[in-house]
């Protein structure tokens, strides 16, 4: 019958739990980073469309006469 307390096995189990928790945190932070990148890209599209519209309006105006 194996002993109830095995320091090597307990350290190994604790290390495996820490690794699993670290992987879970990494996966969550990667997903959050991915969402932030997509939001940034969407924001850049809006800014680009706004700037293009402003430039088009300026280009459509008649040139001031001197």
N, C-alpha and C. Protein backbone atom coordinates (compact mmCIF):
# COMPACT_ATOMS: atom_id res chain seq x y z
N UNK A 1 0.85 -1.18 0.00
CA UNK A 1 0.00 0.00 0.00
C UNK A 1 0.90 1.24 0.00
N UNK A 2 0.66 2.22 -0.96
CA UNK A 2 1.51 3.41 -1.02
C UNK A 2 1.25 4.32 0.18
N UNK A 3 2.24 5.08 0.56
CA UNK A 3 2.06 6.00 1.69
C UNK A 3 1.01 7.07 1.33
N UNK A 4 0.35 7.57 2.37
CA UNK A 4 -0.67 8.59 2.15
C UNK A 4 -0.06 9.92 1.73
N UNK A 5 1.12 10.19 2.20
CA UNK A 5 1.78 11.46 1.89
C UNK A 5 3.05 11.17 1.11
N UNK A 6 3.08 11.54 -0.13
CA UNK A 6 4.26 11.36 -0.97
C UNK A 6 4.69 12.74 -1.44
N UNK A 7 5.76 13.30 -0.86
CA UNK A 7 6.16 14.67 -1.20
C UNK A 7 6.42 14.88 -2.69
N UNK A 8 6.99 13.90 -3.34
CA UNK A 8 7.29 14.04 -4.77
C UNK A 8 6.00 14.12 -5.57
N UNK A 9 5.08 13.24 -5.29
CA UNK A 9 3.80 13.24 -6.00
C UNK A 9 3.02 14.53 -5.71
N UNK A 10 3.04 14.98 -4.46
CA UNK A 10 2.32 16.20 -4.10
C UNK A 10 2.92 17.43 -4.80
N UNK A 11 4.24 17.49 -4.88
CA UNK A 11 4.88 18.61 -5.59
C UNK A 11 4.54 18.57 -7.07
N UNK A 12 4.54 17.36 -7.62
CA UNK A 12 4.21 17.19 -9.04
C UNK A 12 2.76 17.63 -9.30
N UNK A 13 1.86 17.22 -8.44
CA UNK A 13 0.45 17.60 -8.61
C UNK A 13 0.27 19.10 -8.47
N UNK A 14 0.96 19.70 -7.52
CA UNK A 14 0.86 21.15 -7.34
C UNK A 14 1.41 21.88 -8.56
N UNK A 15 2.53 21.38 -9.09
CA UNK A 15 3.10 22.01 -10.28
C UNK A 15 2.17 21.86 -11.47
N UNK A 16 1.53 20.71 -11.60
CA UNK A 16 0.60 20.50 -12.71
C UNK A 16 -0.60 21.45 -12.58
N UNK A 17 -1.09 21.67 -11.37
CA UNK A 17 -2.19 22.61 -11.17
C UNK A 17 -1.78 24.04 -11.50
N UNK A 18 -0.57 24.42 -11.09
CA UNK A 18 -0.08 25.77 -11.42
C UNK A 18 0.05 25.95 -12.93
N UNK A 19 0.57 24.91 -13.61
CA UNK A 19 0.73 24.99 -15.06
C UNK A 19 -0.64 25.09 -15.73
N UNK A 20 -1.60 24.31 -15.29
CA UNK A 20 -2.95 24.37 -15.86
C UNK A 20 -3.56 25.76 -15.66
N UNK A 21 -3.38 26.33 -14.47
CA UNK A 21 -3.91 27.66 -14.20
C UNK A 21 -3.22 28.71 -15.07
N UNK A 22 -1.90 28.57 -15.25
CA UNK A 22 -1.17 29.52 -16.08
C UNK A 22 -1.62 29.42 -17.54
N UNK A 23 -1.85 28.21 -18.01
CA UNK A 23 -2.34 28.05 -19.39
C UNK A 23 -3.71 28.67 -19.56
N UNK A 24 -4.56 28.49 -18.55
CA UNK A 24 -5.91 29.06 -18.61
C UNK A 24 -5.83 30.59 -18.65
N UNK A 25 -5.00 31.18 -17.79
CA UNK A 25 -4.84 32.64 -17.80
C UNK A 25 -4.28 33.12 -19.13
N UNK A 26 -3.31 32.38 -19.69
CA UNK A 26 -2.74 32.75 -20.98
C UNK A 26 -3.80 32.71 -22.07
N UNK A 27 -4.60 31.66 -22.09
CA UNK A 27 -5.66 31.55 -23.11
C UNK A 27 -6.65 32.69 -22.98
N UNK A 28 -7.01 33.03 -21.76
CA UNK A 28 -7.95 34.14 -21.56
C UNK A 28 -7.35 35.48 -21.98
N UNK A 29 -6.09 35.69 -21.66
CA UNK A 29 -5.46 36.96 -22.04
C UNK A 29 -5.26 37.03 -23.55
N UNK A 30 -4.97 35.91 -24.18
CA UNK A 30 -4.84 35.89 -25.64
C UNK A 30 -6.18 36.22 -26.30
N UNK A 31 -7.26 35.66 -25.77
CA UNK A 31 -8.59 35.96 -26.32
C UNK A 31 -8.92 37.44 -26.12
N UNK A 32 -8.59 37.99 -24.97
CA UNK A 32 -8.85 39.41 -24.71
C UNK A 32 -8.02 40.29 -25.65
N UNK A 33 -6.78 39.92 -25.88
CA UNK A 33 -5.92 40.67 -26.80
C UNK A 33 -6.47 40.61 -28.22
N UNK A 34 -6.95 39.46 -28.62
CA UNK A 34 -7.54 39.29 -29.95
C UNK A 34 -8.77 40.20 -30.10
N UNK A 35 -9.63 40.21 -29.09
CA UNK A 35 -10.82 41.08 -29.13
C UNK A 35 -10.42 42.55 -29.19
N UNK A 36 -9.41 42.93 -28.41
CA UNK A 36 -8.95 44.32 -28.42
C UNK A 36 -8.39 44.70 -29.80
N UNK A 37 -7.67 43.79 -30.43
CA UNK A 37 -7.12 44.07 -31.76
C UNK A 37 -8.25 44.25 -32.77
N UNK A 38 -9.27 43.40 -32.70
CA UNK A 38 -10.40 43.54 -33.61
C UNK A 38 -11.15 44.85 -33.38
N UNK A 39 -11.31 45.24 -32.13
CA UNK A 39 -11.97 46.51 -31.83
C UNK A 39 -11.14 47.69 -32.36
N UNK A 40 -9.83 47.59 -32.24
CA UNK A 40 -8.96 48.66 -32.75
C UNK A 40 -9.08 48.77 -34.26
N UNK A 41 -9.09 47.64 -34.94
CA UNK A 41 -9.23 47.65 -36.40
C UNK A 41 -10.57 48.26 -36.80
N UNK A 42 -11.63 47.90 -36.10
CA UNK A 42 -12.94 48.46 -36.41
C UNK A 42 -12.94 49.97 -36.19
N UNK A 43 -12.30 50.42 -35.13
CA UNK A 43 -12.20 51.86 -34.87
C UNK A 43 -11.41 52.58 -35.95
N UNK A 44 -10.37 51.94 -36.43
CA UNK A 44 -9.57 52.55 -37.50
C UNK A 44 -10.37 52.66 -38.79
N UNK A 45 -11.23 51.69 -39.04
CA UNK A 45 -12.08 51.76 -40.24
C UNK A 45 -13.03 52.94 -40.15
N UNK A 46 -13.60 53.16 -38.98
CA UNK A 46 -14.52 54.29 -38.79
C UNK A 46 -13.76 55.60 -38.97
N UNK A 47 -12.59 55.70 -38.36
CA UNK A 47 -11.79 56.92 -38.49
C UNK A 47 -11.40 57.16 -39.95
N UNK A 48 -11.02 56.11 -40.65
CA UNK A 48 -10.63 56.24 -42.04
C UNK A 48 -11.81 56.70 -42.90
N UNK A 49 -12.98 56.13 -42.67
CA UNK A 49 -14.16 56.52 -43.44
C UNK A 49 -14.53 57.97 -43.16
N UNK A 50 -14.41 58.39 -41.91
CA UNK A 50 -14.71 59.78 -41.55
C UNK A 50 -13.74 60.74 -42.23
N UNK A 51 -12.46 60.41 -42.21
CA UNK A 51 -11.47 61.27 -42.86
C UNK A 51 -11.68 61.32 -44.37
N UNK A 52 -12.00 60.19 -44.97
CA UNK A 52 -12.25 60.18 -46.42
C UNK A 52 -13.46 61.05 -46.77
N UNK A 53 -14.51 60.97 -45.96
CA UNK A 53 -15.69 61.78 -46.21
C UNK A 53 -15.37 63.26 -46.08
N UNK A 54 -14.58 63.62 -45.08
CA UNK A 54 -14.19 65.02 -44.91
C UNK A 54 -13.35 65.49 -46.09
N UNK A 55 -12.42 64.67 -46.55
CA UNK A 55 -11.60 65.06 -47.70
C UNK A 55 -12.44 65.18 -48.97
N UNK A 56 -13.41 64.28 -49.14
CA UNK A 56 -14.28 64.36 -50.31
C UNK A 56 -15.11 65.64 -50.29
N UNK A 57 -15.61 66.01 -49.09
CA UNK A 57 -16.37 67.27 -48.99
C UNK A 57 -15.49 68.46 -49.31
N UNK A 58 -14.26 68.46 -48.82
CA UNK A 58 -13.35 69.57 -49.11
C UNK A 58 -13.01 69.62 -50.59
N UNK A 59 -12.83 68.49 -51.21
CA UNK A 59 -12.49 68.45 -52.63
C UNK A 59 -13.68 68.89 -53.48
N UNK A 60 -14.90 68.68 -53.02
CA UNK A 60 -16.09 69.04 -53.79
C UNK A 60 -16.40 70.53 -53.71
N UNK A 61 -15.86 71.20 -52.72
CA UNK A 61 -16.13 72.65 -52.60
C UNK A 61 -15.40 73.40 -53.69
N UNK A 62 -16.02 74.45 -54.18
CA UNK A 62 -15.32 75.25 -55.19
C UNK A 62 -14.11 75.95 -54.59
N UNK A 63 -13.12 76.12 -55.41
CA UNK A 63 -11.90 76.79 -54.96
C UNK A 63 -12.21 78.27 -54.70
N UNK A 64 -11.68 78.82 -53.63
CA UNK A 64 -11.92 80.24 -53.35
C UNK A 64 -11.24 81.11 -54.42
N UNK A 65 -11.96 82.12 -54.84
CA UNK A 65 -11.37 83.02 -55.83
C UNK A 65 -10.53 84.07 -55.12
N UNK A 66 -9.44 84.39 -55.71
CA UNK A 66 -8.54 85.39 -55.10
C UNK A 66 -8.71 86.73 -55.69
